[in-house]
């Protein structure tokens, strides 16, 4: 079973992602960017779902840090920000892809299949 690390600080969002993904994937949760970087190094997940607006270290910085050690790890940025250029900013920071919140469940599952096979 593939492992997905959810880096998210809002409990409701964690619960929603868990409901969508728990049957198909092993899930790990980090509640801030620093924790996300640490957990990635310790547990080597197959994919990271990275919220952009996080405490301690934002998702951009966390993605940059993860990318240094794991250049091919898929990182999907998640954000309520849907302004033009937000997706490009996430990709420049190291995210492989970018989805806006509220997350479209079908789109998320398609992306996971695309990156995880």
Protein backbone atom coordinates (compact mmCIF):
# COMPACT_ATOMS: atom_id res chain seq x y z
CA UNK A 1 0.00 0.00 0.00
CA UNK A 2 1.37 3.43 -0.97
CA UNK A 3 1.96 6.03 1.74
CA UNK A 4 0.76 9.63 1.47
CA UNK A 5 1.91 12.34 3.85
CA UNK A 6 -0.76 14.99 4.45
CA UNK A 7 0.77 18.28 5.61
CA UNK A 8 -2.21 20.29 6.83
CA UNK A 9 -2.96 22.35 9.94
CA UNK A 10 -6.77 22.48 9.80
CA UNK A 11 -8.46 19.48 11.41
CA UNK A 12 -11.52 19.63 9.14
CA UNK A 13 -9.30 19.40 6.04
CA UNK A 14 -7.33 16.51 7.57
CA UNK A 15 -10.61 14.69 8.29
CA UNK A 16 -11.88 15.28 4.75
CA UNK A 17 -8.67 14.02 3.11
CA UNK A 18 -8.59 11.04 5.48
CA UNK A 19 -12.17 10.08 4.53
CA UNK A 20 -11.29 10.26 0.83
CA UNK A 21 -7.95 8.42 1.04
CA UNK A 22 -7.86 6.07 4.04
CA UNK A 23 -9.24 3.00 2.23
CA UNK A 24 -6.64 3.10 -0.56
CA UNK A 25 -3.53 4.57 1.08
CA UNK A 26 -1.47 4.48 4.26
CA UNK A 27 -1.72 8.05 5.64
CA UNK A 28 0.67 10.10 7.73
CA UNK A 29 -0.19 13.60 9.00
CA UNK A 30 2.03 16.57 9.79
CA UNK A 31 0.44 19.74 11.15
CA UNK A 32 3.06 22.28 10.07
CA UNK A 33 5.70 22.63 7.37
CA UNK A 34 8.65 21.78 9.62
CA UNK A 35 6.93 18.61 10.79
CA UNK A 36 6.24 17.77 7.14
CA UNK A 37 9.92 18.07 6.22
CA UNK A 38 10.94 15.96 9.24
CA UNK A 39 8.34 13.25 8.62
CA UNK A 40 9.27 13.04 4.94
CA UNK A 41 12.88 12.39 5.90
CA UNK A 42 11.92 9.79 8.49
CA UNK A 43 9.21 7.87 6.65
CA UNK A 44 9.90 8.36 2.91
CA UNK A 45 6.26 8.66 1.75
CA UNK A 46 5.33 7.94 -1.88
CA UNK A 47 3.60 11.33 -2.25
CA UNK A 48 3.06 14.51 -0.21
CA UNK A 49 -0.13 16.58 -0.11
CA UNK A 50 1.20 19.98 0.98
CA UNK A 51 -1.01 22.77 2.24
CA UNK A 52 0.55 26.11 1.33
CA UNK A 53 -0.61 28.21 4.31
CA UNK A 54 1.00 26.48 7.28
CA UNK A 55 2.34 27.54 10.67
CA UNK A 56 6.06 27.40 11.57
CA UNK A 57 7.16 26.92 7.92
CA UNK A 58 4.86 27.56 4.95
CA UNK A 59 4.25 25.00 2.23
CA UNK A 60 6.55 26.76 -0.25
CA UNK A 61 9.53 26.57 2.09
CA UNK A 62 8.66 23.00 3.13
CA UNK A 63 8.47 21.92 -0.52
CA UNK A 64 11.85 23.55 -1.22
CA UNK A 65 13.39 21.69 1.73
CA UNK A 66 11.86 18.33 0.78
CA UNK A 67 12.91 18.78 -2.86
CA UNK A 68 16.61 19.05 -1.83
CA UNK A 69 16.61 15.49 -0.44
CA UNK A 70 13.86 13.95 -2.57
CA UNK A 71 14.12 15.39 -6.10
CA UNK A 72 11.59 13.01 -7.66
CA UNK A 73 9.01 12.79 -4.83
CA UNK A 74 5.58 13.96 -6.05
CA UNK A 75 4.41 16.95 -3.99
CA UNK A 76 0.90 18.24 -4.66
CA UNK A 77 0.35 21.75 -3.31
CA UNK A 78 -3.10 22.44 -1.85
CA UNK A 79 -4.37 25.94 -1.27
CA UNK A 80 -7.50 28.02 -0.96
CA UNK A 81 -5.63 30.65 -2.98
CA UNK A 82 -6.85 30.51 -6.55
CA UNK A 83 -5.30 33.70 -7.87
CA UNK A 84 -3.53 33.65 -11.20
CA UNK A 85 0.10 32.70 -10.65
CA UNK A 86 -0.41 30.81 -7.36
CA UNK A 87 0.04 27.46 -9.10
CA UNK A 88 3.22 28.67 -10.79
CA UNK A 89 4.61 29.95 -7.48
CA UNK A 90 3.99 26.51 -5.93
CA UNK A 91 5.70 24.74 -8.82
CA UNK A 92 8.71 27.06 -8.65
CA UNK A 93 8.96 26.20 -4.93
CA UNK A 94 9.11 22.49 -5.77
CA UNK A 95 5.52 21.28 -5.98
CA UNK A 96 4.89 18.81 -8.79
CA UNK A 97 1.26 19.89 -9.08
CA UNK A 98 -1.22 22.28 -7.48
CA UNK A 99 -4.90 21.92 -6.56
CA UNK A 100 -7.23 24.50 -5.08
CA UNK A 101 -9.45 24.00 -2.04
CA UNK A 102 -12.07 22.91 -1.55
CA UNK A 103 -10.46 19.86 -3.11
CA UNK A 104 -12.34 18.25 -6.00
CA UNK A 105 -12.35 14.60 -4.87
CA UNK A 106 -12.42 13.14 -8.41
CA UNK A 107 -9.60 15.39 -9.58
CA UNK A 108 -7.51 14.56 -6.50
CA UNK A 109 -7.96 10.81 -7.05
CA UNK A 110 -7.04 11.16 -10.73
CA UNK A 111 -3.86 13.07 -9.77
CA UNK A 112 -2.93 10.41 -7.20
CA UNK A 113 -3.35 7.66 -9.79
CA UNK A 114 -1.26 9.71 -12.24
CA UNK A 115 1.62 10.07 -9.77
CA UNK A 116 1.36 6.78 -7.90
CA UNK A 117 0.24 4.44 -10.67
